[in-house]
Amino acid sequence: MTEMEYRGITAKGFLLLAENRFRNSQAFYEEHKAHLKQLAVEPMRQIAQALCGDMAALDDRMVLQPSRMVSRLRRDTRFTNDKALYRSNMWCMFRHPRDETAPSPCFWFEVVPEEGNWSCGIFVMNNAPRFMAFLRQRIGEERVAFLHAAEAARALGAHLEIDAFKKERVPEADPQLKPFLNAKSFHFMFSSNDLSVLGDARIIALLRAQYQAYAPLYRLLLDWTQAFSAGELNE
């Protein structure tokens, strides 16, 4: 699939997604299913397809089948208090297979009616406290490389999102590293409320540039997650 085939996500698509969630009706969904797929699902899959080559060059273990990378319209409500059947947002994730429970770095792209977000961070299913302790150690050991990677992400306007411990884990740390060393999790995110870029191939060029800026961070996180997983297997 080429970038010229990208048909865009338009205001009409966002309105239909929002109405589908507001009505929360299987009957309404079934009646408009074809249009929802055309206006929202397929454009997201086209974006994913356009970036597959870039992602494969960065990490050949990524899942790169667009149908497995893009969110479904029907929400999984088993583990949430929000029981709405349908979503008004759409997301795409570039990561290792979901059945792998080891930590892995990932990129993701999400669109909501108000803005678009594209991010790089860590997906952790099991052993999160042990992994984050390992990550703090590696950040300290490879301080220069990590700060360089973080600055490359910031240079294109990404901001740091942190879920921090209430009590600092490393109070004596270098101020530049302290936010990361006292984090339960973190990721870099670029946000924009200019949704017009979603209407044509500009979004693909924008995502490509942003993910290239995230690439040094991704490579570091990939090395560290693989080292952690190898250590877990050898114990």
C-alpha atoms as a PDB file:
ATOM      1  CA  MET A   1       0.000   0.000   0.000  1.00  0.00           C
ATOM      2  CA  THR A   2       1.405   3.394  -0.919  1.00  0.00           C
ATOM      3  CA  GLU A   3       0.948   6.695   0.883  1.00  0.00           C
ATOM      4  CA  MET A   4      -1.128   7.994  -2.047  1.00  0.00           C
ATOM      5  CA  GLU A   5      -3.854   5.553  -1.052  1.00  0.00           C
ATOM      6  CA  TYR A   6      -4.354   7.247   2.321  1.00  0.00           C
ATOM      7  CA  ARG A   7      -7.904   8.642   2.271  1.00  0.00           C
ATOM      8  CA  GLY A   8      -7.745  10.674   5.457  1.00  0.00           C
ATOM      9  CA  ILE A   9      -9.671  10.973   8.714  1.00  0.00           C
ATOM     10  CA  THR A  10     -12.066  13.895   8.433  1.00  0.00           C
ATOM     11  CA  ALA A  11     -14.469  15.802  10.666  1.00  0.00           C
ATOM     12  CA  LYS A  12     -17.245  13.578   9.334  1.00  0.00           C
ATOM     13  CA  GLY A  13     -15.423  10.539  10.653  1.00  0.00           C
ATOM     14  CA  PHE A  14     -14.924  12.063  14.107  1.00  0.00           C
ATOM     15  CA  LEU A  15     -18.580  13.080  14.293  1.00  0.00           C
ATOM     16  CA  LEU A  16     -19.720   9.583  13.434  1.00  0.00           C
ATOM     17  CA  LEU A  17     -17.373   8.051  16.025  1.00  0.00           C
ATOM     18  CA  ALA A  18     -18.691  10.450  18.669  1.00  0.00           C
ATOM     19  CA  GLU A  19     -22.319   9.768  17.777  1.00  0.00           C
ATOM     20  CA  ASN A  20     -21.721   6.016  17.823  1.00  0.00           C
ATOM     21  CA  ARG A  21     -20.319   6.250  21.352  1.00  0.00           C
ATOM     22  CA  PHE A  22     -23.073   8.638  22.498  1.00  0.00           C
ATOM     23  CA  ARG A  23     -25.857   6.376  21.260  1.00  0.00           C
ATOM     24  CA  ASN A  24     -24.108   3.291  22.699  1.00  0.00           C
ATOM     25  CA  SER A  25     -26.390   1.127  20.594  1.00  0.00           C
ATOM     26  CA  GLN A  26     -25.548  -2.063  18.758  1.00  0.00           C
ATOM     27  CA  ALA A  27     -28.385  -1.334  16.344  1.00  0.00           C
ATOM     28  CA  PHE A  28     -26.925   2.088  15.468  1.00  0.00           C
ATOM     29  CA  TYR A  29     -23.444   0.565  15.141  1.00  0.00           C
ATOM     30  CA  GLU A  30     -24.605  -2.165  12.790  1.00  0.00           C
ATOM     31  CA  GLU A  31     -26.481   0.363  10.660  1.00  0.00           C
ATOM     32  CA  HIS A  32     -23.387   2.582  10.297  1.00  0.00           C
ATOM     33  CA  LYS A  33     -20.679  -0.068  10.498  1.00  0.00           C
ATOM     34  CA  ALA A  34     -19.581   0.279   6.867  1.00  0.00           C
ATOM     35  CA  HIS A  35     -19.221   4.062   7.149  1.00  0.00           C
ATOM     36  CA  LEU A  36     -17.363   3.798  10.456  1.00  0.00           C
ATOM     37  CA  LYS A  37     -14.916   1.390   8.885  1.00  0.00           C
ATOM     38  CA  GLN A  38     -14.477   3.600   5.808  1.00  0.00           C
ATOM     39  CA  LEU A  39     -14.079   6.879   7.723  1.00  0.00           C
ATOM     40  CA  ALA A  40     -12.050   5.768  10.741  1.00  0.00           C
ATOM     41  CA  VAL A  41     -10.745   2.197  10.774  1.00  0.00           C
ATOM     42  CA  GLU A  42      -9.374   1.980   7.237  1.00  0.00           C
ATOM     43  CA  PRO A  43      -7.514   5.339   7.347  1.00  0.00           C
ATOM     44  CA  MET A  44      -5.799   4.286  10.578  1.00  0.00           C
ATOM     45  CA  ARG A  45      -4.768   1.013   8.974  1.00  0.00           C
ATOM     46  CA  GLN A  46      -3.457   2.926   5.958  1.00  0.00           C
ATOM     47  CA  ILE A  47      -1.291   5.054   8.267  1.00  0.00           C
ATOM     48  CA  ALA A  48       0.021   1.907   9.955  1.00  0.00           C
ATOM     49  CA  GLN A  49       0.785   0.315   6.586  1.00  0.00           C
ATOM     50  CA  ALA A  50       2.638   3.396   5.356  1.00  0.00           C
ATOM     51  CA  LEU A  51       4.972   3.274   8.376  1.00  0.00           C
ATOM     52  CA  CYS A  52       5.625  -0.467   8.400  1.00  0.00           C
ATOM     53  CA  GLY A  53       8.866  -0.199   6.433  1.00  0.00           C
ATOM     54  CA  ASP A  54      10.307   2.363   8.846  1.00  0.00           C
ATOM     55  CA  MET A  55       9.335   0.230  11.822  1.00  0.00           C
ATOM     56  CA  ALA A  56      10.704  -3.012  10.366  1.00  0.00           C
ATOM     57  CA  ALA A  57      14.071  -1.314   9.817  1.00  0.00           C
ATOM     58  CA  LEU A  58      14.091  -0.225  13.463  1.00  0.00           C
ATOM     59  CA  ASP A  59      12.904  -3.488  15.043  1.00  0.00           C
ATOM     60  CA  ASP A  60      12.149  -6.646  13.056  1.00  0.00           C
ATOM     61  CA  ARG A  61      10.153  -8.174  15.929  1.00  0.00           C
ATOM     62  CA  MET A  62       7.327  -5.643  15.722  1.00  0.00           C
ATOM     63  CA  VAL A  63       3.835  -6.733  14.767  1.00  0.00           C
ATOM     64  CA  LEU A  64       3.303  -5.122  11.373  1.00  0.00           C
ATOM     65  CA  GLN A  65      -0.102  -6.354  10.234  1.00  0.00           C
ATOM     66  CA  PRO A  66      -2.361  -3.265  10.295  1.00  0.00           C
ATOM     67  CA  SER A  67      -5.441  -5.286  11.260  1.00  0.00           C
ATOM     68  CA  ARG A  68      -3.621  -6.297  14.478  1.00  0.00           C
ATOM     69  CA  MET A  69      -2.144  -2.867  15.177  1.00  0.00           C
ATOM     70  CA  VAL A  70      -5.253  -0.666  15.070  1.00  0.00           C
ATOM     71  CA  SER A  71      -7.911  -0.518  17.786  1.00  0.00           C
ATOM     72  CA  ARG A  72     -11.362  -1.978  17.315  1.00  0.00           C
ATOM     73  CA  LEU A  73     -14.441   0.196  17.560  1.00  0.00           C
ATOM     74  CA  ARG A  74     -16.001  -2.109  20.139  1.00  0.00           C
ATOM     75  CA  ARG A  75     -14.457  -1.604  23.583  1.00  0.00           C
ATOM     76  CA  ASP A  76     -13.384  -4.349  25.977  1.00  0.00           C
ATOM     77  CA  THR A  77     -15.387  -3.445  29.091  1.00  0.00           C
ATOM     78  CA  ARG A  78     -14.426  -6.407  31.272  1.00  0.00           C
ATOM     79  CA  PHE A  79     -11.859  -4.570  33.374  1.00  0.00           C
ATOM     80  CA  THR A  80     -13.163  -1.007  33.479  1.00  0.00           C
ATOM     81  CA  ASN A  81     -15.955   0.892  35.201  1.00  0.00           C
ATOM     82  CA  ASP A  82     -16.772   2.618  31.908  1.00  0.00           C
ATOM     83  CA  LYS A  83     -19.218   0.211  30.260  1.00  0.00           C
ATOM     84  CA  ALA A  84     -19.780   2.203  27.050  1.00  0.00           C
ATOM     85  CA  LEU A  85     -19.751  -0.292  24.195  1.00  0.00           C
ATOM     86  CA  TYR A  86     -17.947   1.864  21.632  1.00  0.00           C
ATOM     87  CA  ARG A  87     -14.990   4.225  21.524  1.00  0.00           C
ATOM     88  CA  SER A  88     -14.756   7.751  20.139  1.00  0.00           C
ATOM     89  CA  ASN A  89     -10.969   7.505  19.824  1.00  0.00           C
ATOM     90  CA  MET A  90      -8.824   5.353  17.550  1.00  0.00           C
ATOM     91  CA  TRP A  91      -5.262   4.230  18.173  1.00  0.00           C
ATOM     92  CA  CYS A  92      -2.472   2.346  16.475  1.00  0.00           C
ATOM     93  CA  MET A  93       0.398   0.654  18.336  1.00  0.00           C
ATOM     94  CA  PHE A  94       3.778  -0.489  17.046  1.00  0.00           C
ATOM     95  CA  ARG A  95       5.153  -3.109  19.457  1.00  0.00           C
ATOM     96  CA  HIS A  96       6.125  -6.719  19.940  1.00  0.00           C
ATOM     97  CA  PRO A  97       3.410  -9.426  19.918  1.00  0.00           C
ATOM     98  CA  ARG A  98       0.800  -8.981  22.634  1.00  0.00           C
ATOM     99  CA  ASP A  99       1.224 -12.538  23.901  1.00  0.00           C
ATOM    100  CA  GLU A 100       4.770 -11.697  25.016  1.00  0.00           C
ATOM    101  CA  THR A 101       4.585 -10.752  28.692  1.00  0.00           C
ATOM    102  CA  ALA A 102       8.122  -9.312  28.801  1.00  0.00           C
ATOM    103  CA  PRO A 103       8.441  -5.512  28.838  1.00  0.00           C
ATOM    104  CA  SER A 104       8.865  -3.999  25.402  1.00  0.00           C
ATOM    105  CA  PRO A 105       9.213  -0.469  24.043  1.00  0.00           C
ATOM    106  CA  CYS A 106       6.489   0.753  21.740  1.00  0.00           C
ATOM    107  CA  PHE A 107       5.279   3.633  19.605  1.00  0.00           C
ATOM    108  CA  TRP A 108       1.639   4.584  19.485  1.00  0.00           C
ATOM    109  CA  PHE A 109      -0.567   7.030  17.692  1.00  0.00           C
ATOM    110  CA  GLU A 110      -4.004   8.070  18.963  1.00  0.00           C
ATOM    111  CA  VAL A 111      -6.648  10.380  17.576  1.00  0.00           C
ATOM    112  CA  VAL A 112      -9.553  11.762  19.583  1.00  0.00           C
ATOM    113  CA  PRO A 113     -12.123  14.400  18.562  1.00  0.00           C
ATOM    114  CA  GLU A 114      -9.970  17.156  20.126  1.00  0.00           C
ATOM    115  CA  GLU A 115      -6.386  16.215  19.223  1.00  0.00           C
ATOM    116  CA  GLY A 116      -3.829  13.725  17.992  1.00  0.00           C
ATOM    117  CA  ASN A 117      -1.061  12.186  20.144  1.00  0.00           C
ATOM    118  CA  TRP A 118       2.012  10.235  19.071  1.00  0.00           C
ATOM    119  CA  SER A 119       4.247   8.697  21.691  1.00  0.00           C
ATOM    120  CA  CYS A 120       7.146   6.442  22.600  1.00  0.00           C
ATOM    121  CA  GLY A 121       7.392   4.531  25.852  1.00  0.00           C
ATOM    122  CA  ILE A 122       7.414   1.121  27.535  1.00  0.00           C
ATOM    123  CA  PHE A 123       4.625  -1.467  27.608  1.00  0.00           C
ATOM    124  CA  VAL A 124       4.936  -3.543  30.809  1.00  0.00           C
ATOM    125  CA  MET A 125       2.559  -6.391  31.617  1.00  0.00           C
ATOM    126  CA  ASN A 126       4.430  -8.360  34.294  1.00  0.00           C
ATOM    127  CA  ASN A 127       7.278  -7.661  36.732  1.00  0.00           C
ATOM    128  CA  ALA A 128       6.757  -3.888  36.518  1.00  0.00           C
ATOM    129  CA  PRO A 129       8.438  -3.012  39.882  1.00  0.00           C
ATOM    130  CA  ARG A 130      11.452  -5.217  39.135  1.00  0.00           C
ATOM    131  CA  PHE A 131      11.731  -3.891  35.603  1.00  0.00           C
ATOM    132  CA  MET A 132      11.530  -0.245  36.667  1.00  0.00           C
ATOM    133  CA  ALA A 133      14.251  -0.883  39.285  1.00  0.00           C
ATOM    134  CA  PHE A 134      16.385  -2.387  36.520  1.00  0.00           C
ATOM    135  CA  LEU A 135      15.573   0.569  34.269  1.00  0.00           C
ATOM    136  CA  ARG A 136      16.640   3.070  36.934  1.00  0.00           C
ATOM    137  CA  GLN A 137      19.970   1.293  37.191  1.00  0.00           C
ATOM    138  CA  ARG A 138      20.549   1.351  33.428  1.00  0.00           C
ATOM    139  CA  ILE A 139      19.554   5.013  33.116  1.00  0.00           C
ATOM    140  CA  GLY A 140      22.173   5.848  35.733  1.00  0.00           C
ATOM    141  CA  GLU A 141      24.820   3.719  34.022  1.00  0.00           C
ATOM    142  CA  GLU A 142      24.140   5.134  30.543  1.00  0.00           C
ATOM    143  CA  ARG A 143      23.290   8.678  31.556  1.00  0.00           C
ATOM    144  CA  VAL A 144      24.797  10.461  28.553  1.00  0.00           C
ATOM    145  CA  ALA A 145      23.159   8.246  25.927  1.00  0.00           C
ATOM    146  CA  PHE A 146      19.811   8.413  27.700  1.00  0.00           C
ATOM    147  CA  LEU A 147      19.795  12.194  28.059  1.00  0.00           C
ATOM    148  CA  HIS A 148      20.798  12.538  24.400  1.00  0.00           C
ATOM    149  CA  ALA A 149      17.865  10.317  23.392  1.00  0.00           C
ATOM    150  CA  ALA A 150      15.479  12.269  25.618  1.00  0.00           C
ATOM    151  CA  GLU A 151      16.644  15.564  24.112  1.00  0.00           C
ATOM    152  CA  ALA A 152      16.118  14.220  20.575  1.00  0.00           C
ATOM    153  CA  ALA A 153      12.479  13.508  21.492  1.00  0.00           C
ATOM    154  CA  ARG A 154      12.015  16.956  23.044  1.00  0.00           C
ATOM    155  CA  ALA A 155      13.592  18.691  20.051  1.00  0.00           C
ATOM    156  CA  LEU A 156      10.508  18.038  17.910  1.00  0.00           C
ATOM    157  CA  GLY A 157       8.159  19.254  20.627  1.00  0.00           C
ATOM    158  CA  ALA A 158       7.420  16.057  22.555  1.00  0.00           C
ATOM    159  CA  HIS A 159       6.692  16.449  26.254  1.00  0.00           C
ATOM    160  CA  LEU A 160       7.438  14.017  29.045  1.00  0.00           C
ATOM    161  CA  GLU A 161       4.531  12.184  30.696  1.00  0.00           C
ATOM    162  CA  ILE A 162       5.402  10.562  34.046  1.00  0.00           C
ATOM    163  CA  ASP A 163       3.513   8.442  36.560  1.00  0.00           C
ATOM    164  CA  ALA A 164       5.694   9.262  39.583  1.00  0.00           C
ATOM    165  CA  PHE A 165       6.022   7.717  43.009  1.00  0.00           C
ATOM    166  CA  LYS A 166       4.710   9.921  45.818  1.00  0.00           C
ATOM    167  CA  LYS A 167       7.987   9.423  47.657  1.00  0.00           C
ATOM    168  CA  GLU A 168      11.187   9.968  45.691  1.00  0.00           C
ATOM    169  CA  ARG A 169      13.119   6.784  45.048  1.00  0.00           C
ATOM    170  CA  VAL A 170      16.436   8.518  44.361  1.00  0.00           C
ATOM    171  CA  PRO A 171      16.296  11.901  46.135  1.00  0.00           C
ATOM    172  CA  GLU A 172      20.023  12.537  45.643  1.00  0.00           C
ATOM    173  CA  ALA A 173      19.907  11.969  41.867  1.00  0.00           C
ATOM    174  CA  ASP A 174      21.134  14.319  39.176  1.00  0.00           C
ATOM    175  CA  PRO A 175      18.252  16.789  38.586  1.00  0.00           C
ATOM    176  CA  GLN A 176      18.231  15.917  34.883  1.00  0.00           C
ATOM    177  CA  LEU A 177      17.710  12.239  35.674  1.00  0.00           C
ATOM    178  CA  LYS A 178      15.549  12.530  38.791  1.00  0.00           C
ATOM    179  CA  PRO A 179      12.155  12.639  36.989  1.00  0.00           C
ATOM    180  CA  PHE A 180      12.949   9.340  35.255  1.00  0.00           C
ATOM    181  CA  LEU A 181      14.490   7.669  38.304  1.00  0.00           C
ATOM    182  CA  ASN A 182      11.427   8.464  40.420  1.00  0.00           C
ATOM    183  CA  ALA A 183       8.939   7.224  37.815  1.00  0.00           C
ATOM    184  CA  LYS A 184       6.656   4.197  37.915  1.00  0.00           C
ATOM    185  CA  SER A 185       6.419   4.631  34.156  1.00  0.00           C
ATOM    186  CA  PHE A 186       7.118   7.334  31.585  1.00  0.00           C
ATOM    187  CA  HIS A 187       6.739   8.140  27.922  1.00  0.00           C
ATOM    188  CA  PHE A 188       7.302  11.030  25.551  1.00  0.00           C
ATOM    189  CA  MET A 189       4.241  12.391  23.766  1.00  0.00           C
ATOM    190  CA  PHE A 190       3.689  14.942  21.031  1.00  0.00           C
ATOM    191  CA  SER A 191       0.178  16.428  20.963  1.00  0.00           C
ATOM    192  CA  SER A 192      -1.511  18.595  18.368  1.00  0.00           C
ATOM    193  CA  ASN A 193      -5.020  19.997  18.058  1.00  0.00           C
ATOM    194  CA  ASP A 194      -4.505  20.704  14.354  1.00  0.00           C
ATOM    195  CA  LEU A 195      -6.577  17.785  13.094  1.00  0.00           C
ATOM    196  CA  SER A 196      -6.477  19.052   9.523  1.00  0.00           C
ATOM    197  CA  VAL A 197      -3.221  17.119   9.045  1.00  0.00           C
ATOM    198  CA  LEU A 198      -5.215  13.904   9.423  1.00  0.00           C
ATOM    199  CA  GLY A 199      -7.068  14.643   6.218  1.00  0.00           C
ATOM    200  CA  ASP A 200      -4.155  13.881   3.901  1.00  0.00           C
ATOM    201  CA  ALA A 201      -0.665  12.338   3.793  1.00  0.00           C
ATOM    202  CA  ARG A 202       0.807  15.149   5.935  1.00  0.00           C
ATOM    203  CA  ILE A 203       0.075  13.008   8.984  1.00  0.00           C
ATOM    204  CA  ILE A 204       2.271  10.225   7.620  1.00  0.00           C
ATOM    205  CA  ALA A 205       5.193  12.603   7.065  1.00  0.00           C
ATOM    206  CA  LEU A 206       4.672  14.100  10.531  1.00  0.00           C
ATOM    207  CA  LEU A 207       4.578  10.694  12.230  1.00  0.00           C
ATOM    208  CA  ARG A 208       7.627   9.529  10.315  1.00  0.00           C
ATOM    209  CA  ALA A 209       9.627  12.558  11.480  1.00  0.00           C
ATOM    210  CA  GLN A 210       8.435  12.173  15.070  1.00  0.00           C
ATOM    211  CA  TYR A 211       9.232   8.473  15.243  1.00  0.00           C
ATOM    212  CA  GLN A 212      12.670   9.084  13.771  1.00  0.00           C
ATOM    213  CA  ALA A 213      13.251  11.554  16.597  1.00  0.00           C
ATOM    214  CA  TYR A 214      12.113   8.903  19.088  1.00  0.00           C
ATOM    215  CA  ALA A 215      14.362   6.221  17.500  1.00  0.00           C
ATOM    216  CA  PRO A 216      17.426   6.720  19.788  1.00  0.00           C
ATOM    217  CA  LEU A 217      15.187   6.387  22.844  1.00  0.00           C
ATOM    218  CA  TYR A 218      13.464   3.340  21.379  1.00  0.00           C
ATOM    219  CA  ARG A 219      16.799   1.618  20.679  1.00  0.00           C
ATOM    220  CA  LEU A 220      18.001   2.213  24.229  1.00  0.00           C
ATOM    221  CA  LEU A 221      14.742   0.934  25.706  1.00  0.00           C
ATOM    222  CA  LEU A 222      14.864  -2.079  23.399  1.00  0.00           C
ATOM    223  CA  ASP A 223      18.401  -2.960  24.526  1.00  0.00           C
ATOM    224  CA  TRP A 224      17.430  -2.590  28.170  1.00  0.00           C
ATOM    225  CA  THR A 225      14.221  -4.597  27.950  1.00  0.00           C
ATOM    226  CA  GLN A 226      16.045  -7.409  26.172  1.00  0.00           C
ATOM    227  CA  ALA A 227      18.789  -7.396  28.821  1.00  0.00           C
ATOM    228  CA  PHE A 228      16.157  -7.498  31.567  1.00  0.00           C
ATOM    229  CA  SER A 229      14.309 -10.389  29.916  1.00  0.00           C
ATOM    230  CA  ALA A 230      17.547 -12.339  29.442  1.00  0.00           C
ATOM    231  CA  GLY A 231      18.360 -11.862  33.123  1.00  0.00           C
ATOM    232  CA  GLU A 232      14.881 -13.033  34.153  1.00  0.00           C
ATOM    233  CA  LEU A 233      15.293 -16.219  32.088  1.00  0.00           C
ATOM    234  CA  ASN A 234      18.701 -16.974  33.612  1.00  0.00           C
ATOM    235  CA  GLU A 235      17.543 -16.670  37.218  1.00  0.00           C
END
